[in-house]
Amino acid sequence: MSLLAELKRRNVLRVGAAYVVVGWLVLQLSDVLISMLALQERVGRGVIFVLVVGFPLALILAWTIGLTPEGVKRDKDVDPEDILQKAKSGEVLDHELYRFLPDYIDPADVLQLTQQTLQNSTNEEPDVTMKKLRILGDRQWHTYRAATNSVCVQLTSWIGDHSSSESQDFIEGALVIAYCYGLTKEMYVQLLGNYRGQHRNEFEKDLERSARGFLASAGHRLRTQSVGLVRLYVL
């Protein structure tokens, strides 16, 4: 797995972005308070020093520590295979535990977990289910297999039932799922029309690369893989 993928899995990038935003707000507030209270300039320098030192510490903690329903745990204390077996057994897991699933899962297991997640979605908020499906979509992408028609139909139905959501995070997640599972271009275009997020250009490029009638996700990768296998056999 690439370093970038590992940083995303451990939420390091998200923590870093949040720290920068919060740090900027703290600096603005401290600047106002220092002026109002006529404090010495060294107070401001002290705030900056603390924020600078705290940034790498926050990233290190994000890398080494995971948040689970049982509390804060180090990654090495969470067994990915154990999480997978619990999920396959039908146990309803917190969405934070989904990120500890193995990066490469048997295609049949991915589809099974997808269906189970959709079945359990009636007992949780759509945004929570979306976070789980988005992680499973990443695992589906790494199977290099096309999702079954029944799973695609269930995903399309679930997304359609919640398409009225105005949350940009939800719509972005739906676009990722549509691409990873190879849903219809019609749904993808509809979702893209309501998306105003920062990754719009990337999603538009994915749509342009798509074949007629369906997304160039699993089907495209299968064809690419087949060509590669043929070349290897010939050589």
C-alpha atoms as a PDB file:
ATOM      1  CA  MET A   1       0.000   0.000   0.000  1.00  0.00           C
ATOM      2  CA  SER A   2       1.247   3.482  -0.879  1.00  0.00           C
ATOM      3  CA  LEU A   3       2.254   6.013   1.747  1.00  0.00           C
ATOM      4  CA  LEU A   4      -0.580   8.335   0.687  1.00  0.00           C
ATOM      5  CA  ALA A   5      -3.160   5.563   1.094  1.00  0.00           C
ATOM      6  CA  GLU A   6      -1.771   4.702   4.530  1.00  0.00           C
ATOM      7  CA  LEU A   7      -1.903   8.366   5.589  1.00  0.00           C
ATOM      8  CA  LYS A   8      -5.551   8.511   4.530  1.00  0.00           C
ATOM      9  CA  ARG A   9      -6.388   5.248   6.297  1.00  0.00           C
ATOM     10  CA  ARG A  10      -4.915   6.501   9.549  1.00  0.00           C
ATOM     11  CA  ASN A  11      -6.655   9.904   9.201  1.00  0.00           C
ATOM     12  CA  VAL A  12      -3.288  11.701   9.314  1.00  0.00           C
ATOM     13  CA  LEU A  13      -4.238  14.049   6.478  1.00  0.00           C
ATOM     14  CA  ARG A  14      -7.574  14.869   8.073  1.00  0.00           C
ATOM     15  CA  VAL A  15      -5.977  15.557  11.443  1.00  0.00           C
ATOM     16  CA  GLY A  16      -3.329  17.759   9.823  1.00  0.00           C
ATOM     17  CA  ALA A  17      -5.927  19.810   7.943  1.00  0.00           C
ATOM     18  CA  ALA A  18      -8.058  20.211  11.071  1.00  0.00           C
ATOM     19  CA  TYR A  19      -5.012  21.280  13.082  1.00  0.00           C
ATOM     20  CA  VAL A  20      -4.130  23.981  10.547  1.00  0.00           C
ATOM     21  CA  VAL A  21      -7.674  25.381  10.616  1.00  0.00           C
ATOM     22  CA  VAL A  22      -7.916  25.334  14.401  1.00  0.00           C
ATOM     23  CA  GLY A  23      -4.390  26.757  14.706  1.00  0.00           C
ATOM     24  CA  TRP A  24      -5.290  29.653  12.408  1.00  0.00           C
ATOM     25  CA  LEU A  25      -8.382  30.406  14.513  1.00  0.00           C
ATOM     26  CA  VAL A  26      -6.298  30.312  17.702  1.00  0.00           C
ATOM     27  CA  LEU A  27      -3.804  32.765  16.196  1.00  0.00           C
ATOM     28  CA  GLN A  28      -6.586  35.166  15.200  1.00  0.00           C
ATOM     29  CA  LEU A  29      -8.159  34.984  18.648  1.00  0.00           C
ATOM     30  CA  SER A  30      -4.833  35.401  20.438  1.00  0.00           C
ATOM     31  CA  ASP A  31      -4.002  38.433  18.290  1.00  0.00           C
ATOM     32  CA  VAL A  32      -7.266  40.094  19.291  1.00  0.00           C
ATOM     33  CA  LEU A  33      -6.853  39.272  22.985  1.00  0.00           C
ATOM     34  CA  ILE A  34      -3.226  40.461  23.064  1.00  0.00           C
ATOM     35  CA  SER A  35      -4.292  43.810  21.609  1.00  0.00           C
ATOM     36  CA  MET A  36      -7.290  44.193  23.907  1.00  0.00           C
ATOM     37  CA  LEU A  37      -5.430  43.236  27.074  1.00  0.00           C
ATOM     38  CA  ALA A  38      -2.216  45.044  26.081  1.00  0.00           C
ATOM     39  CA  LEU A  39      -0.163  41.895  26.631  1.00  0.00           C
ATOM     40  CA  GLN A  40       3.501  41.624  25.740  1.00  0.00           C
ATOM     41  CA  GLU A  41       4.517  40.420  22.288  1.00  0.00           C
ATOM     42  CA  ARG A  42       6.260  37.392  23.759  1.00  0.00           C
ATOM     43  CA  VAL A  43       2.814  35.985  24.594  1.00  0.00           C
ATOM     44  CA  GLY A  44       2.021  35.891  20.881  1.00  0.00           C
ATOM     45  CA  ARG A  45       5.359  34.292  20.105  1.00  0.00           C
ATOM     46  CA  GLY A  46       4.662  31.701  22.778  1.00  0.00           C
ATOM     47  CA  VAL A  47       1.327  30.809  21.174  1.00  0.00           C
ATOM     48  CA  ILE A  48       3.017  30.386  17.794  1.00  0.00           C
ATOM     49  CA  PHE A  49       5.749  28.228  19.338  1.00  0.00           C
ATOM     50  CA  VAL A  50       3.187  25.931  20.994  1.00  0.00           C
ATOM     51  CA  LEU A  51       1.222  25.553  17.742  1.00  0.00           C
ATOM     52  CA  VAL A  52       4.341  24.776  15.707  1.00  0.00           C
ATOM     53  CA  VAL A  53       5.568  22.173  18.196  1.00  0.00           C
ATOM     54  CA  GLY A  54       2.103  20.676  18.534  1.00  0.00           C
ATOM     55  CA  PHE A  55       1.634  20.093  14.804  1.00  0.00           C
ATOM     56  CA  PRO A  56       4.064  17.168  14.366  1.00  0.00           C
ATOM     57  CA  LEU A  57       2.910  15.729  17.689  1.00  0.00           C
ATOM     58  CA  ALA A  58      -0.696  15.724  16.434  1.00  0.00           C
ATOM     59  CA  LEU A  59       0.370  13.929  13.245  1.00  0.00           C
ATOM     60  CA  ILE A  60       2.343  11.345  15.218  1.00  0.00           C
ATOM     61  CA  LEU A  61      -0.635  10.668  17.468  1.00  0.00           C
ATOM     62  CA  ALA A  62      -2.931  10.346  14.449  1.00  0.00           C
ATOM     63  CA  TRP A  63      -0.501   7.813  12.925  1.00  0.00           C
ATOM     64  CA  THR A  64      -0.072   5.689  16.023  1.00  0.00           C
ATOM     65  CA  ILE A  65      -3.463   5.900  17.716  1.00  0.00           C
ATOM     66  CA  GLY A  66      -6.872   4.704  16.523  1.00  0.00           C
ATOM     67  CA  LEU A  67     -10.317   5.603  17.870  1.00  0.00           C
ATOM     68  CA  THR A  68     -12.654   2.658  18.467  1.00  0.00           C
ATOM     69  CA  PRO A  69     -15.893   2.101  20.427  1.00  0.00           C
ATOM     70  CA  GLU A  70     -13.712   0.534  23.121  1.00  0.00           C
ATOM     71  CA  GLY A  71     -11.735   3.741  23.430  1.00  0.00           C
ATOM     72  CA  VAL A  72      -8.383   4.916  22.131  1.00  0.00           C
ATOM     73  CA  LYS A  73      -6.200   2.103  20.811  1.00  0.00           C
ATOM     74  CA  ARG A  74      -2.889   1.911  19.021  1.00  0.00           C
ATOM     75  CA  ASP A  75      -3.081   0.472  15.515  1.00  0.00           C
ATOM     76  CA  LYS A  76      -1.012  -2.518  16.539  1.00  0.00           C
ATOM     77  CA  ASP A  77      -3.675  -3.366  19.147  1.00  0.00           C
ATOM     78  CA  VAL A  78      -6.343  -3.678  16.432  1.00  0.00           C
ATOM     79  CA  ASP A  79      -6.211  -6.895  14.394  1.00  0.00           C
ATOM     80  CA  PRO A  80      -7.544  -6.300  10.836  1.00  0.00           C
ATOM     81  CA  GLU A  81      -8.396  -9.986  10.398  1.00  0.00           C
ATOM     82  CA  ASP A  82     -10.350  -9.962  13.654  1.00  0.00           C
ATOM     83  CA  ILE A  83     -12.322  -6.930  12.465  1.00  0.00           C
ATOM     84  CA  LEU A  84     -13.010  -8.700   9.157  1.00  0.00           C
ATOM     85  CA  GLN A  85     -14.274 -11.846  10.859  1.00  0.00           C
ATOM     86  CA  LYS A  86     -16.551  -9.827  13.140  1.00  0.00           C
ATOM     87  CA  ALA A  87     -17.973  -7.969  10.158  1.00  0.00           C
ATOM     88  CA  LYS A  88     -18.523 -11.200   8.196  1.00  0.00           C
ATOM     89  CA  SER A  89     -20.324 -12.758  11.157  1.00  0.00           C
ATOM     90  CA  GLY A  90     -22.953 -10.024  10.916  1.00  0.00           C
ATOM     91  CA  GLU A  91     -21.828  -8.003  13.926  1.00  0.00           C
ATOM     92  CA  VAL A  92     -22.696  -4.328  13.517  1.00  0.00           C
ATOM     93  CA  LEU A  93     -19.436  -2.403  13.826  1.00  0.00           C
ATOM     94  CA  ASP A  94     -18.775   1.259  14.408  1.00  0.00           C
ATOM     95  CA  HIS A  95     -17.738   3.016  11.213  1.00  0.00           C
ATOM     96  CA  GLU A  96     -14.362   3.887  12.783  1.00  0.00           C
ATOM     97  CA  LEU A  97     -13.524   0.176  12.872  1.00  0.00           C
ATOM     98  CA  TYR A  98     -14.128  -0.189   9.140  1.00  0.00           C
ATOM     99  CA  ARG A  99     -10.902   1.667   8.397  1.00  0.00           C
ATOM    100  CA  PHE A 100      -9.007  -1.173  10.087  1.00  0.00           C
ATOM    101  CA  LEU A 101     -10.302  -3.733   7.579  1.00  0.00           C
ATOM    102  CA  PRO A 102      -7.519  -5.371   5.536  1.00  0.00           C
ATOM    103  CA  ASP A 103      -6.657  -3.428   2.400  1.00  0.00           C
ATOM    104  CA  TYR A 104      -7.093  -6.460   0.186  1.00  0.00           C
ATOM    105  CA  ILE A 105     -10.189  -8.551   0.854  1.00  0.00           C
ATOM    106  CA  ASP A 106     -11.623 -11.487  -1.084  1.00  0.00           C
ATOM    107  CA  PRO A 107     -14.103 -10.117  -3.680  1.00  0.00           C
ATOM    108  CA  ALA A 108     -16.925 -12.274  -2.311  1.00  0.00           C
ATOM    109  CA  ASP A 109     -16.299 -10.931   1.198  1.00  0.00           C
ATOM    110  CA  VAL A 110     -16.403  -7.328  -0.017  1.00  0.00           C
ATOM    111  CA  LEU A 111     -19.772  -7.894  -1.655  1.00  0.00           C
ATOM    112  CA  GLN A 112     -21.056  -9.710   1.443  1.00  0.00           C
ATOM    113  CA  LEU A 113     -20.005  -6.828   3.704  1.00  0.00           C
ATOM    114  CA  THR A 114     -21.562  -4.334   1.306  1.00  0.00           C
ATOM    115  CA  GLN A 115     -24.905  -6.124   1.439  1.00  0.00           C
ATOM    116  CA  GLN A 116     -24.755  -6.457   5.233  1.00  0.00           C
ATOM    117  CA  THR A 117     -23.968  -2.761   5.584  1.00  0.00           C
ATOM    118  CA  LEU A 118     -26.957  -1.875   3.433  1.00  0.00           C
ATOM    119  CA  GLN A 119     -29.207  -4.186   5.463  1.00  0.00           C
ATOM    120  CA  ASN A 120     -28.068  -2.550   8.720  1.00  0.00           C
ATOM    121  CA  SER A 121     -28.474   0.969   7.321  1.00  0.00           C
ATOM    122  CA  THR A 122     -32.055   1.209   8.608  1.00  0.00           C
ATOM    123  CA  ASN A 123     -30.714   1.436  12.158  1.00  0.00           C
ATOM    124  CA  GLU A 124     -28.189   4.225  11.603  1.00  0.00           C
ATOM    125  CA  GLU A 125     -27.838   7.650  10.061  1.00  0.00           C
ATOM    126  CA  PRO A 126     -27.226   7.748   6.268  1.00  0.00           C
ATOM    127  CA  ASP A 127     -23.941   9.615   6.768  1.00  0.00           C
ATOM    128  CA  VAL A 128     -22.651   6.777   8.965  1.00  0.00           C
ATOM    129  CA  THR A 129     -23.606   4.147   6.387  1.00  0.00           C
ATOM    130  CA  MET A 130     -21.988   6.262   3.686  1.00  0.00           C
ATOM    131  CA  LYS A 131     -18.681   6.314   5.578  1.00  0.00           C
ATOM    132  CA  LYS A 132     -18.756   2.513   5.781  1.00  0.00           C
ATOM    133  CA  LEU A 133     -19.655   2.078   2.117  1.00  0.00           C
ATOM    134  CA  ARG A 134     -16.943   4.492   1.050  1.00  0.00           C
ATOM    135  CA  ILE A 135     -14.320   2.370   2.825  1.00  0.00           C
ATOM    136  CA  LEU A 136     -15.773  -0.800   1.318  1.00  0.00           C
ATOM    137  CA  GLY A 137     -15.704   0.911  -2.075  1.00  0.00           C
ATOM    138  CA  ASP A 138     -11.942   1.307  -1.713  1.00  0.00           C
ATOM    139  CA  ARG A 139     -11.663  -2.410  -0.914  1.00  0.00           C
ATOM    140  CA  GLN A 140     -13.877  -3.231  -3.911  1.00  0.00           C
ATOM    141  CA  TRP A 141     -11.569  -1.182  -6.135  1.00  0.00           C
ATOM    142  CA  HIS A 142      -8.596  -3.282  -5.043  1.00  0.00           C
ATOM    143  CA  THR A 143     -10.337  -6.576  -5.908  1.00  0.00           C
ATOM    144  CA  TYR A 144     -10.084  -5.840  -9.653  1.00  0.00           C
ATOM    145  CA  ARG A 145     -13.426  -7.603 -10.029  1.00  0.00           C
ATOM    146  CA  ALA A 146     -16.772  -6.342 -11.243  1.00  0.00           C
ATOM    147  CA  ALA A 147     -19.457  -6.086  -8.558  1.00  0.00           C
ATOM    148  CA  THR A 148     -22.453  -8.372  -9.040  1.00  0.00           C
ATOM    149  CA  ASN A 149     -25.592  -6.924 -10.577  1.00  0.00           C
ATOM    150  CA  SER A 150     -27.594  -7.504  -7.374  1.00  0.00           C
ATOM    151  CA  VAL A 151     -25.128  -5.474  -5.288  1.00  0.00           C
ATOM    152  CA  CYS A 152     -25.119  -2.660  -7.857  1.00  0.00           C
ATOM    153  CA  VAL A 153     -28.924  -2.591  -7.813  1.00  0.00           C
ATOM    154  CA  GLN A 154     -28.990  -2.424  -4.001  1.00  0.00           C
ATOM    155  CA  LEU A 155     -26.408   0.370  -3.926  1.00  0.00           C
ATOM    156  CA  THR A 156     -28.242   2.323  -6.610  1.00  0.00           C
ATOM    157  CA  SER A 157     -31.506   1.956  -4.708  1.00  0.00           C
ATOM    158  CA  TRP A 158     -29.981   3.044  -1.398  1.00  0.00           C
ATOM    159  CA  ILE A 159     -28.252   6.081  -2.913  1.00  0.00           C
ATOM    160  CA  GLY A 160     -31.470   6.979  -4.733  1.00  0.00           C
ATOM    161  CA  ASP A 161     -33.475   6.810  -1.494  1.00  0.00           C
ATOM    162  CA  HIS A 162     -31.092   9.335   0.084  1.00  0.00           C
ATOM    163  CA  SER A 163     -30.312  11.442  -2.974  1.00  0.00           C
ATOM    164  CA  SER A 164     -32.141  14.403  -1.420  1.00  0.00           C
ATOM    165  CA  SER A 165     -29.262  14.847   1.017  1.00  0.00           C
ATOM    166  CA  GLU A 166     -27.629  18.246   0.611  1.00  0.00           C
ATOM    167  CA  SER A 167     -24.449  17.153   2.384  1.00  0.00           C
ATOM    168  CA  GLN A 168     -21.509  17.556   0.021  1.00  0.00           C
ATOM    169  CA  ASP A 169     -19.631  14.832   1.920  1.00  0.00           C
ATOM    170  CA  PHE A 170     -22.539  12.452   1.283  1.00  0.00           C
ATOM    171  CA  ILE A 171     -22.683  13.296  -2.426  1.00  0.00           C
ATOM    172  CA  GLU A 172     -18.903  12.949  -2.744  1.00  0.00           C
ATOM    173  CA  GLY A 173     -19.097   9.556  -1.056  1.00  0.00           C
ATOM    174  CA  ALA A 174     -21.869   8.480  -3.429  1.00  0.00           C
ATOM    175  CA  LEU A 175     -19.730   9.491  -6.423  1.00  0.00           C
ATOM    176  CA  VAL A 176     -16.799   7.457  -5.093  1.00  0.00           C
ATOM    177  CA  ILE A 177     -19.054   4.445  -4.514  1.00  0.00           C
ATOM    178  CA  ALA A 178     -20.623   4.761  -7.971  1.00  0.00           C
ATOM    179  CA  TYR A 179     -17.178   4.748  -9.566  1.00  0.00           C
ATOM    180  CA  CYS A 180     -15.639   1.976  -7.459  1.00  0.00           C
ATOM    181  CA  TYR A 181     -18.590  -0.390  -7.899  1.00  0.00           C
ATOM    182  CA  GLY A 182     -19.251   0.562 -11.530  1.00  0.00           C
ATOM    183  CA  LEU A 183     -22.805   1.896 -11.224  1.00  0.00           C
ATOM    184  CA  THR A 184     -24.651   3.557 -14.105  1.00  0.00           C
ATOM    185  CA  LYS A 185     -23.451   6.767 -15.694  1.00  0.00           C
ATOM    186  CA  GLU A 186     -26.973   8.152 -15.373  1.00  0.00           C
ATOM    187  CA  MET A 187     -26.758   8.112 -11.578  1.00  0.00           C
ATOM    188  CA  TYR A 188     -23.183   9.429 -11.671  1.00  0.00           C
ATOM    189  CA  VAL A 189     -24.220  12.397 -13.822  1.00  0.00           C
ATOM    190  CA  GLN A 190     -27.141  13.142 -11.512  1.00  0.00           C
ATOM    191  CA  LEU A 191     -24.894  13.122  -8.447  1.00  0.00           C
ATOM    192  CA  LEU A 192     -22.243  15.197 -10.179  1.00  0.00           C
ATOM    193  CA  GLY A 193     -24.869  17.820 -11.002  1.00  0.00           C
ATOM    194  CA  ASN A 194     -25.451  18.353  -7.272  1.00  0.00           C
ATOM    195  CA  TYR A 195     -21.790  18.263  -6.264  1.00  0.00           C
ATOM    196  CA  ARG A 196     -19.963  21.503  -5.509  1.00  0.00           C
ATOM    197  CA  GLY A 197     -16.935  20.101  -3.706  1.00  0.00           C
ATOM    198  CA  GLN A 198     -13.253  20.654  -4.395  1.00  0.00           C
ATOM    199  CA  HIS A 199     -12.830  17.357  -6.275  1.00  0.00           C
ATOM    200  CA  ARG A 200     -15.393  18.114  -8.981  1.00  0.00           C
ATOM    201  CA  ASN A 201     -12.788  18.300 -11.770  1.00  0.00           C
ATOM    202  CA  GLU A 202     -11.463  14.853 -10.845  1.00  0.00           C
ATOM    203  CA  PHE A 203     -14.948  13.345 -10.954  1.00  0.00           C
ATOM    204  CA  GLU A 204     -15.605  14.996 -14.326  1.00  0.00           C
ATOM    205  CA  LYS A 205     -12.410  13.441 -15.708  1.00  0.00           C
ATOM    206  CA  ASP A 206     -13.518  10.025 -14.434  1.00  0.00           C
ATOM    207  CA  LEU A 207     -16.797  10.503 -16.267  1.00  0.00           C
ATOM    208  CA  GLU A 208     -15.014  11.451 -19.511  1.00  0.00           C
ATOM    209  CA  ARG A 209     -12.915   8.280 -19.304  1.00  0.00           C
ATOM    210  CA  SER A 210     -15.995   6.121 -18.856  1.00  0.00           C
ATOM    211  CA  ALA A 211     -17.310   3.816 -21.507  1.00  0.00           C
ATOM    212  CA  ARG A 212     -20.762   4.281 -22.974  1.00  0.00           C
ATOM    213  CA  GLY A 213     -23.567   3.409 -20.546  1.00  0.00           C
ATOM    214  CA  PHE A 214     -21.458   2.531 -17.502  1.00  0.00           C
ATOM    215  CA  LEU A 215     -18.547   3.810 -15.476  1.00  0.00           C
ATOM    216  CA  ALA A 216     -14.983   2.852 -16.361  1.00  0.00           C
ATOM    217  CA  SER A 217     -14.284   1.348 -12.978  1.00  0.00           C
ATOM    218  CA  ALA A 218     -14.352  -2.405 -12.500  1.00  0.00           C
ATOM    219  CA  GLY A 219     -15.107  -3.176 -16.158  1.00  0.00           C
ATOM    220  CA  HIS A 220     -12.298  -0.943 -17.419  1.00  0.00           C
ATOM    221  CA  ARG A 221      -9.794  -2.349 -14.951  1.00  0.00           C
ATOM    222  CA  LEU A 222     -10.771  -5.906 -15.839  1.00  0.00           C
ATOM    223  CA  ARG A 223     -10.119  -5.240 -19.511  1.00  0.00           C
ATOM    224  CA  THR A 224      -6.801  -3.555 -18.672  1.00  0.00           C
ATOM    225  CA  GLN A 225      -5.798  -6.468 -16.462  1.00  0.00           C
ATOM    226  CA  SER A 226      -6.738  -8.981 -19.165  1.00  0.00           C
ATOM    227  CA  VAL A 227      -4.574  -7.188 -21.712  1.00  0.00           C
ATOM    228  CA  GLY A 228      -1.684  -7.214 -19.250  1.00  0.00           C
ATOM    229  CA  LEU A 229      -2.108 -10.964 -18.669  1.00  0.00           C
ATOM    230  CA  VAL A 230      -2.147 -11.625 -22.387  1.00  0.00           C
ATOM    231  CA  ARG A 231       1.065  -9.653 -22.885  1.00  0.00           C
ATOM    232  CA  LEU A 232       2.703 -11.517 -20.010  1.00  0.00           C
ATOM    233  CA  TYR A 233       1.659 -14.853 -21.515  1.00  0.00           C
ATOM    234  CA  VAL A 234       2.970 -13.916 -24.937  1.00  0.00           C
ATOM    235  CA  LEU A 235       6.314 -12.770 -23.524  1.00  0.00           C
END
